[in-house]
């Protein structure tokens, strides 16, 4: 019976260790995703600034459009660049939303594994307490048997 309890305690320890390793792995992924979000935010900021500069140049090009055909060509080029930058901004914002959603999912998983680790640690503590109680009863029974054996030998 003690061996069964030890086996249960060992199994609980293994489950707790596995859950803890999974938690650490998820936290590592969370850190990587945080870095990705920071990078994407910086990229979005750069793209927004580039877009603002391009829009300013487009506005300037529109004012000077009356100056001639060369200005028209520059304006068209800037409009294409603005369209390209807007497209890149859309992609960056979509990536940011996807990464944010992934981070939310990872947070949910991490919380789930933290609860599992706490549950397994509680189970492990209960098993250790029970094992200690059974061990004390076993030692008391062994002592009682030894006393009984001694009393029988004295007779």
N, C-alpha and C. Protein backbone atom coordinates (compact mmCIF):
# COMPACT_ATOMS: atom_id res chain seq x y z
N UNK A 1 0.83 -1.20 0.00
CA UNK A 1 0.00 0.00 0.00
C UNK A 1 0.87 1.26 0.00
N UNK A 2 1.97 1.22 0.76
CA UNK A 2 2.89 2.36 0.78
C UNK A 2 3.53 2.53 -0.59
N UNK A 3 3.85 1.42 -1.22
CA UNK A 3 4.45 1.50 -2.56
C UNK A 3 3.48 2.14 -3.53
N UNK A 4 2.21 1.83 -3.40
CA UNK A 4 1.19 2.43 -4.28
C UNK A 4 1.11 3.93 -4.04
N UNK A 5 1.17 4.31 -2.78
CA UNK A 5 1.11 5.74 -2.45
C UNK A 5 2.36 6.44 -2.98
N UNK A 6 3.52 5.77 -2.81
CA UNK A 6 4.76 6.35 -3.36
C UNK A 6 4.65 6.49 -4.87
N UNK A 7 4.10 5.48 -5.52
CA UNK A 7 3.93 5.53 -6.99
C UNK A 7 3.02 6.69 -7.37
N UNK A 8 1.94 6.86 -6.62
CA UNK A 8 1.03 7.98 -6.90
C UNK A 8 1.74 9.32 -6.68
N UNK A 9 2.54 9.40 -5.62
CA UNK A 9 3.26 10.64 -5.34
C UNK A 9 4.28 10.92 -6.44
N UNK A 10 5.00 9.87 -6.86
CA UNK A 10 5.97 10.04 -7.95
C UNK A 10 5.27 10.47 -9.23
N UNK A 11 4.13 9.87 -9.53
CA UNK A 11 3.37 10.23 -10.74
C UNK A 11 2.91 11.68 -10.65
N UNK A 12 2.48 12.09 -9.47
CA UNK A 12 2.05 13.49 -9.29
C UNK A 12 3.23 14.44 -9.48
N UNK A 13 4.40 14.04 -8.96
CA UNK A 13 5.60 14.86 -9.16
C UNK A 13 5.95 14.98 -10.63
N UNK A 14 5.87 13.87 -11.36
CA UNK A 14 6.17 13.88 -12.80
C UNK A 14 5.19 14.80 -13.53
N UNK A 15 3.88 14.68 -13.18
CA UNK A 15 2.88 15.55 -13.84
C UNK A 15 3.16 17.01 -13.52
N UNK A 16 3.54 17.29 -12.28
CA UNK A 16 3.84 18.67 -11.89
C UNK A 16 5.05 19.18 -12.65
N UNK A 17 6.10 18.36 -12.75
CA UNK A 17 7.30 18.76 -13.50
C UNK A 17 6.97 19.01 -14.96
N UNK A 18 6.15 18.14 -15.56
CA UNK A 18 5.76 18.30 -16.97
C UNK A 18 4.98 19.58 -17.16
N UNK A 19 4.05 19.84 -16.27
CA UNK A 19 3.23 21.06 -16.39
C UNK A 19 4.12 22.30 -16.21
N UNK A 20 5.08 22.22 -15.29
CA UNK A 20 5.99 23.36 -15.07
C UNK A 20 6.85 23.60 -16.32
N UNK A 21 7.34 22.54 -16.95
CA UNK A 21 8.14 22.69 -18.18
C UNK A 21 7.29 23.30 -19.29
N UNK A 22 6.07 22.86 -19.41
CA UNK A 22 5.16 23.41 -20.44
C UNK A 22 4.90 24.89 -20.16
N UNK A 23 4.75 25.23 -18.89
CA UNK A 23 4.52 26.63 -18.52
C UNK A 23 5.73 27.47 -18.93
N UNK A 24 6.93 26.98 -18.65
CA UNK A 24 8.14 27.72 -19.01
C UNK A 24 8.25 27.88 -20.53
N UNK A 25 7.89 26.84 -21.27
CA UNK A 25 7.95 26.90 -22.74
C UNK A 25 6.98 27.97 -23.25
N UNK A 26 5.80 27.99 -22.68
CA UNK A 26 4.78 28.96 -23.11
C UNK A 26 5.22 30.37 -22.74
N UNK A 27 5.84 30.52 -21.56
CA UNK A 27 6.33 31.84 -21.18
C UNK A 27 7.42 32.30 -22.14
N UNK A 28 8.27 31.38 -22.60
CA UNK A 28 9.28 31.71 -23.60
C UNK A 28 8.64 32.18 -24.89
N UNK A 29 7.61 31.46 -25.32
CA UNK A 29 6.87 31.87 -26.52
C UNK A 29 6.25 33.25 -26.31
N UNK A 30 5.75 33.48 -25.13
CA UNK A 30 5.13 34.77 -24.80
C UNK A 30 6.16 35.90 -24.94
N UNK A 31 7.37 35.66 -24.47
CA UNK A 31 8.43 36.66 -24.59
C UNK A 31 8.75 36.94 -26.05
N UNK A 32 8.86 35.85 -26.85
CA UNK A 32 9.12 36.02 -28.28
C UNK A 32 8.01 36.83 -28.93
N UNK A 33 6.78 36.52 -28.60
CA UNK A 33 5.64 37.23 -29.19
C UNK A 33 5.63 38.70 -28.75
N UNK A 34 6.03 38.96 -27.50
CA UNK A 34 6.13 40.35 -27.03
C UNK A 34 7.14 41.12 -27.88
N UNK A 35 8.28 40.45 -28.17
CA UNK A 35 9.29 41.10 -29.01
C UNK A 35 8.75 41.34 -30.41
N UNK A 36 8.01 40.38 -30.94
CA UNK A 36 7.41 40.55 -32.26
C UNK A 36 6.44 41.73 -32.27
N UNK A 37 5.64 41.84 -31.24
CA UNK A 37 4.67 42.95 -31.16
C UNK A 37 5.42 44.28 -31.11
N UNK A 38 6.47 44.35 -30.30
CA UNK A 38 7.25 45.58 -30.22
C UNK A 38 7.83 45.94 -31.58
N UNK A 39 8.38 44.93 -32.25
CA UNK A 39 8.95 45.15 -33.58
C UNK A 39 7.88 45.62 -34.56
N UNK A 40 6.72 44.96 -34.52
CA UNK A 40 5.64 45.35 -35.44
C UNK A 40 5.13 46.75 -35.13
N UNK A 41 5.05 47.10 -33.86
CA UNK A 41 4.61 48.46 -33.50
C UNK A 41 5.60 49.49 -34.04
N UNK A 42 6.90 49.19 -33.90
CA UNK A 42 7.91 50.11 -34.42
C UNK A 42 7.79 50.22 -35.94
N UNK A 43 7.56 49.07 -36.59
CA UNK A 43 7.40 49.07 -38.05
C UNK A 43 6.16 49.88 -38.44
N UNK A 44 5.07 49.71 -37.72
CA UNK A 44 3.85 50.48 -38.00
C UNK A 44 4.14 51.97 -37.84
N UNK A 45 4.86 52.32 -36.78
CA UNK A 45 5.20 53.73 -36.55
C UNK A 45 6.03 54.28 -37.71
N UNK A 46 7.04 53.52 -38.14
CA UNK A 46 7.87 53.97 -39.27
C UNK A 46 7.04 54.11 -40.53
N UNK A 47 6.16 53.14 -40.76
CA UNK A 47 5.33 53.21 -41.96
C UNK A 47 4.36 54.39 -41.90
N UNK A 48 3.82 54.66 -40.72
CA UNK A 48 2.93 55.82 -40.59
C UNK A 48 3.69 57.12 -40.84
N UNK A 49 4.91 57.19 -40.32
CA UNK A 49 5.71 58.39 -40.57
C UNK A 49 6.04 58.52 -42.05
N UNK A 50 6.41 57.41 -42.68
CA UNK A 50 6.69 57.44 -44.12
C UNK A 50 5.44 57.83 -44.89
N UNK A 51 4.30 57.31 -44.45
CA UNK A 51 3.03 57.66 -45.10
C UNK A 51 2.75 59.15 -44.95
N UNK A 52 2.98 59.68 -43.76
CA UNK A 52 2.78 61.12 -43.55
C UNK A 52 3.69 61.93 -44.46
N UNK A 53 4.96 61.53 -44.54
CA UNK A 53 5.89 62.25 -45.42
C UNK A 53 5.44 62.16 -46.87
N UNK A 54 5.01 60.96 -47.27
CA UNK A 54 4.56 60.78 -48.65
C UNK A 54 3.31 61.61 -48.93
N UNK A 55 2.39 61.64 -47.97
CA UNK A 55 1.18 62.44 -48.15
C UNK A 55 1.52 63.92 -48.24
N UNK A 56 2.50 64.35 -47.46
CA UNK A 56 2.94 65.75 -47.53
C UNK A 56 3.52 66.05 -48.91
N UNK A 57 4.34 65.13 -49.39
CA UNK A 57 4.92 65.33 -50.72
C UNK A 57 3.84 65.32 -51.79
N UNK A 58 2.84 64.45 -51.63
CA UNK A 58 1.73 64.42 -52.59
C UNK A 58 1.00 65.76 -52.57
N UNK A 59 0.76 66.29 -51.38
CA UNK A 59 0.09 67.58 -51.28
C UNK A 59 0.91 68.67 -51.95
N UNK A 60 2.22 68.64 -51.70
CA UNK A 60 3.10 69.62 -52.34
C UNK A 60 3.10 69.43 -53.85
N UNK A 61 3.08 68.17 -54.27
CA UNK A 61 3.08 67.89 -55.71
C UNK A 61 1.79 68.39 -56.35
N UNK A 62 0.68 68.26 -55.63
CA UNK A 62 -0.60 68.74 -56.17
C UNK A 62 -0.58 70.26 -56.35
N UNK A 63 0.01 70.98 -55.38
CA UNK A 63 0.11 72.44 -55.48
C UNK A 63 0.93 72.82 -56.71
N UNK A 64 2.00 72.10 -56.90
CA UNK A 64 2.88 72.42 -58.03
C UNK A 64 2.50 71.74 -59.33
N UNK A 65 1.35 71.10 -59.35
CA UNK A 65 0.93 70.35 -60.54
C UNK A 65 0.79 71.25 -61.76
N UNK A 66 0.42 72.48 -61.50
CA UNK A 66 0.26 73.43 -62.60
C UNK A 66 1.60 73.80 -63.22
N UNK A 67 2.68 73.50 -62.57
CA UNK A 67 4.00 73.90 -63.05
C UNK A 67 4.46 73.10 -64.26
N UNK A 68 3.86 71.98 -64.51
CA UNK A 68 4.26 71.29 -65.72
C UNK A 68 4.13 69.79 -65.63
N UNK A 69 4.48 69.19 -66.73
CA UNK A 69 4.35 67.74 -66.88
C UNK A 69 5.27 66.98 -65.94
N UNK A 70 6.45 67.51 -65.66
CA UNK A 70 7.38 66.81 -64.76
C UNK A 70 6.78 66.68 -63.36
N UNK A 71 6.09 67.70 -62.93
CA UNK A 71 5.45 67.67 -61.62
C UNK A 71 4.36 66.61 -61.60
N UNK A 72 3.65 66.48 -62.71
CA UNK A 72 2.60 65.46 -62.82
C UNK A 72 3.19 64.06 -62.64
N UNK A 73 4.31 63.83 -63.26
CA UNK A 73 4.97 62.53 -63.16
C UNK A 73 5.41 62.26 -61.71
N UNK A 74 5.96 63.29 -61.06
CA UNK A 74 6.38 63.14 -59.67
C UNK A 74 5.17 62.84 -58.79
N UNK A 75 4.08 63.54 -59.01
CA UNK A 75 2.86 63.32 -58.23
C UNK A 75 2.34 61.91 -58.39
N UNK A 76 2.35 61.40 -59.62
CA UNK A 76 1.89 60.03 -59.85
C UNK A 76 2.79 59.04 -59.13
N UNK A 77 4.09 59.30 -59.19
CA UNK A 77 5.02 58.42 -58.48
C UNK A 77 4.77 58.44 -56.98
N UNK A 78 4.53 59.63 -56.47
CA UNK A 78 4.25 59.74 -55.03
C UNK A 78 2.92 59.08 -54.67
N UNK A 79 1.93 59.20 -55.53
CA UNK A 79 0.64 58.54 -55.27
C UNK A 79 0.82 57.02 -55.23
N UNK A 80 1.64 56.51 -56.16
CA UNK A 80 1.91 55.06 -56.14
C UNK A 80 2.63 54.67 -54.85
N UNK A 81 3.57 55.54 -54.44
CA UNK A 81 4.30 55.25 -53.21
C UNK A 81 3.35 55.30 -52.00
N UNK A 82 2.44 56.27 -51.99
CA UNK A 82 1.46 56.36 -50.91
C UNK A 82 0.60 55.10 -50.88
N UNK A 83 0.14 54.66 -52.07
CA UNK A 83 -0.68 53.45 -52.14
C UNK A 83 0.12 52.25 -51.62
N UNK A 84 1.39 52.17 -52.01
CA UNK A 84 2.24 51.07 -51.55
C UNK A 84 2.43 51.13 -50.03
N UNK A 85 2.68 52.33 -49.52
CA UNK A 85 2.86 52.48 -48.08
C UNK A 85 1.57 52.15 -47.32
N UNK A 86 0.44 52.55 -47.86
CA UNK A 86 -0.84 52.21 -47.22
C UNK A 86 -1.04 50.70 -47.20
N UNK A 87 -0.66 50.05 -48.31
CA UNK A 87 -0.77 48.59 -48.37
C UNK A 87 0.14 47.94 -47.32
N UNK A 88 1.37 48.43 -47.22
CA UNK A 88 2.30 47.90 -46.22
C UNK A 88 1.78 48.14 -44.81
N UNK A 89 1.18 49.31 -44.60
CA UNK A 89 0.62 49.63 -43.29
C UNK A 89 -0.52 48.67 -42.96
N UNK A 90 -1.37 48.38 -43.94
CA UNK A 90 -2.46 47.43 -43.72
C UNK A 90 -1.92 46.06 -43.33
N UNK A 91 -0.88 45.62 -44.03
CA UNK A 91 -0.27 44.31 -43.73
C UNK A 91 0.31 44.32 -42.32
N UNK A 92 1.01 45.40 -41.97
CA UNK A 92 1.62 45.48 -40.64
C UNK A 92 0.54 45.50 -39.55
N UNK A 93 -0.54 46.24 -39.79
CA UNK A 93 -1.62 46.27 -38.80
C UNK A 93 -2.29 44.91 -38.66
N UNK A 94 -2.47 44.20 -39.78
CA UNK A 94 -3.05 42.86 -39.73
C UNK A 94 -2.13 41.92 -38.95
N UNK A 95 -0.82 42.00 -39.22
CA UNK A 95 0.14 41.18 -38.47
C UNK A 95 0.10 41.49 -36.99
N UNK A 96 -0.04 42.77 -36.66
CA UNK A 96 -0.12 43.17 -35.26
C UNK A 96 -1.37 42.58 -34.61
N UNK A 97 -2.51 42.64 -35.29
CA UNK A 97 -3.75 42.07 -34.74
C UNK A 97 -3.60 40.56 -34.55
N UNK A 98 -3.02 39.88 -35.55
CA UNK A 98 -2.85 38.42 -35.44
C UNK A 98 -1.93 38.07 -34.28
N UNK A 99 -0.83 38.80 -34.17
CA UNK A 99 0.12 38.52 -33.09
C UNK A 99 -0.51 38.82 -31.73
N UNK A 100 -1.30 39.88 -31.66
CA UNK A 100 -1.98 40.20 -30.41
C UNK A 100 -2.94 39.08 -30.02
N UNK A 101 -3.66 38.55 -30.99
CA UNK A 101 -4.59 37.44 -30.72
C UNK A 101 -3.82 36.20 -30.26
N UNK A 102 -2.69 35.94 -30.92
CA UNK A 102 -1.87 34.80 -30.51
C UNK A 102 -1.36 34.99 -29.08
N UNK A 103 -0.98 36.22 -28.75
CA UNK A 103 -0.52 36.50 -27.39
C UNK A 103 -1.64 36.26 -26.38
N UNK A 104 -2.85 36.65 -26.74
CA UNK A 104 -3.98 36.45 -25.85
C UNK A 104 -4.20 34.95 -25.63
N UNK A 105 -4.09 34.16 -26.71
CA UNK A 105 -4.26 32.72 -26.59
C UNK A 105 -3.16 32.11 -25.71
N UNK A 106 -1.93 32.60 -25.90
CA UNK A 106 -0.82 32.09 -25.09
C UNK A 106 -1.02 32.45 -23.62
N UNK A 107 -1.52 33.66 -23.36
CA UNK A 107 -1.82 34.05 -21.98
C UNK A 107 -2.85 33.11 -21.36
N UNK A 108 -3.87 32.78 -22.14
CA UNK A 108 -4.92 31.87 -21.64
C UNK A 108 -4.31 30.51 -21.33
N UNK A 109 -3.45 30.00 -22.25
CA UNK A 109 -2.81 28.70 -22.02
C UNK A 109 -1.92 28.76 -20.78
N UNK A 110 -1.16 29.84 -20.64
CA UNK A 110 -0.26 29.97 -19.49
C UNK A 110 -1.05 29.96 -18.19
N UNK A 111 -2.17 30.66 -18.17
CA UNK A 111 -3.01 30.66 -16.96
C UNK A 111 -3.53 29.26 -16.68
N UNK A 112 -3.93 28.56 -17.75
CA UNK A 112 -4.44 27.19 -17.58
C UNK A 112 -3.36 26.30 -16.98
N UNK A 113 -2.13 26.39 -17.51
CA UNK A 113 -1.07 25.54 -17.00
C UNK A 113 -0.65 25.95 -15.59
N UNK A 114 -0.74 27.22 -15.27
CA UNK A 114 -0.44 27.64 -13.90
C UNK A 114 -1.45 27.03 -12.93
N UNK A 115 -2.73 27.02 -13.34
CA UNK A 115 -3.74 26.40 -12.48
C UNK A 115 -3.47 24.90 -12.34
N UNK A 116 -3.06 24.25 -13.44
CA UNK A 116 -2.76 22.81 -13.37
C UNK A 116 -1.58 22.56 -12.43
N UNK A 117 -0.55 23.40 -12.52
CA UNK A 117 0.61 23.23 -11.66
C UNK A 117 0.20 23.38 -10.20
N UNK A 118 -0.62 24.39 -9.90
CA UNK A 118 -1.08 24.59 -8.53
C UNK A 118 -1.89 23.38 -8.05
N UNK A 119 -2.74 22.86 -8.92
CA UNK A 119 -3.56 21.70 -8.55
C UNK A 119 -2.66 20.50 -8.28
N UNK A 120 -1.68 20.27 -9.18
CA UNK A 120 -0.79 19.12 -9.00
C UNK A 120 0.08 19.28 -7.75
N UNK A 121 0.50 20.50 -7.47
CA UNK A 121 1.28 20.71 -6.25
C UNK A 121 0.44 20.43 -5.01
N UNK A 122 -0.83 20.82 -5.06
CA UNK A 122 -1.73 20.54 -3.93
C UNK A 122 -1.93 19.03 -3.78
N UNK A 123 -2.13 18.33 -4.92
CA UNK A 123 -2.28 16.87 -4.87
C UNK A 123 -1.02 16.24 -4.29
N UNK A 124 0.13 16.71 -4.75
CA UNK A 124 1.40 16.16 -4.29
C UNK A 124 1.54 16.36 -2.78
N UNK A 125 1.19 17.53 -2.31
CA UNK A 125 1.26 17.81 -0.87
C UNK A 125 0.34 16.87 -0.10
N UNK A 126 -0.87 16.66 -0.63
CA UNK A 126 -1.82 15.76 0.03
C UNK A 126 -1.27 14.33 0.07
N UNK A 127 -0.67 13.90 -1.07
CA UNK A 127 -0.10 12.55 -1.11
C UNK A 127 1.05 12.42 -0.12
N UNK A 128 1.88 13.44 -0.02
CA UNK A 128 2.99 13.38 0.92
C UNK A 128 2.49 13.31 2.36
N UNK A 129 1.45 14.08 2.67
CA UNK A 129 0.87 14.06 4.02
C UNK A 129 0.30 12.67 4.31
N UNK A 130 -0.42 12.14 3.35
CA UNK A 130 -1.02 10.82 3.54
C UNK A 130 0.07 9.76 3.70
N UNK A 131 1.12 9.86 2.88
CA UNK A 131 2.23 8.91 2.98
C UNK A 131 2.85 8.97 4.37
N UNK A 132 3.03 10.17 4.89
CA UNK A 132 3.63 10.33 6.21
C UNK A 132 2.74 9.70 7.28
N UNK A 133 1.42 9.88 7.16
CA UNK A 133 0.49 9.28 8.12
C UNK A 133 0.56 7.76 8.07
N UNK A 134 0.56 7.22 6.84
CA UNK A 134 0.61 5.76 6.68
C UNK A 134 1.94 5.22 7.22
N UNK A 135 3.03 5.95 6.97
CA UNK A 135 4.34 5.51 7.45
C UNK A 135 4.36 5.46 8.98
N UNK A 136 3.77 6.47 9.62
CA UNK A 136 3.72 6.49 11.09
C UNK A 136 2.88 5.33 11.62
N UNK A 137 1.74 5.06 10.96
CA UNK A 137 0.91 3.92 11.38
C UNK A 137 1.68 2.62 11.21
N UNK A 138 2.42 2.51 10.09
CA UNK A 138 3.20 1.31 9.83
C UNK A 138 4.26 1.13 10.92
N UNK A 139 4.97 2.21 11.26
CA UNK A 139 6.00 2.12 12.29
C UNK A 139 5.39 1.74 13.64
N UNK A 140 4.22 2.30 13.94
CA UNK A 140 3.55 1.97 15.20
C UNK A 140 3.15 0.49 15.21
N UNK A 141 2.65 0.00 14.06
CA UNK A 141 2.25 -1.40 13.98
C UNK A 141 3.47 -2.31 14.13
N UNK A 142 4.60 -1.94 13.51
CA UNK A 142 5.82 -2.74 13.63
C UNK A 142 6.27 -2.76 15.08
N UNK A 143 6.23 -1.62 15.74
CA UNK A 143 6.64 -1.56 17.14
C UNK A 143 5.71 -2.42 18.01
N UNK A 144 4.42 -2.34 17.73
CA UNK A 144 3.45 -3.13 18.50
C UNK A 144 3.70 -4.63 18.29
N UNK A 145 4.00 -5.01 17.03
CA UNK A 145 4.29 -6.42 16.76
C UNK A 145 5.57 -6.88 17.48
N UNK A 146 6.56 -6.00 17.51
CA UNK A 146 7.80 -6.36 18.20
C UNK A 146 7.55 -6.55 19.70
N UNK A 147 6.72 -5.67 20.28
CA UNK A 147 6.39 -5.79 21.70
C UNK A 147 5.61 -7.07 21.96
N UNK A 148 4.67 -7.37 21.07
CA UNK A 148 3.88 -8.59 21.21
C UNK A 148 4.78 -9.81 21.09
N UNK A 149 5.70 -9.77 20.12
CA UNK A 149 6.64 -10.88 19.94
C UNK A 149 7.50 -11.04 21.19
N UNK A 150 7.96 -9.94 21.76
CA UNK A 150 8.78 -9.98 22.97
C UNK A 150 7.97 -10.55 24.13
N UNK A 151 6.70 -10.13 24.26
CA UNK A 151 5.84 -10.63 25.33
C UNK A 151 5.59 -12.13 25.17
N UNK A 152 5.42 -12.56 23.93
CA UNK A 152 5.19 -13.98 23.69
C UNK A 152 6.44 -14.79 24.02
N UNK A 153 7.60 -14.24 23.70
CA UNK A 153 8.84 -14.94 24.01
C UNK A 153 9.09 -15.00 25.52
N UNK A 154 8.64 -13.96 26.22
CA UNK A 154 8.80 -13.93 27.67
C UNK A 154 7.92 -14.98 28.35
N UNK A 155 6.84 -15.39 27.68
CA UNK A 155 5.95 -16.36 28.28
C UNK A 155 6.58 -17.69 28.14
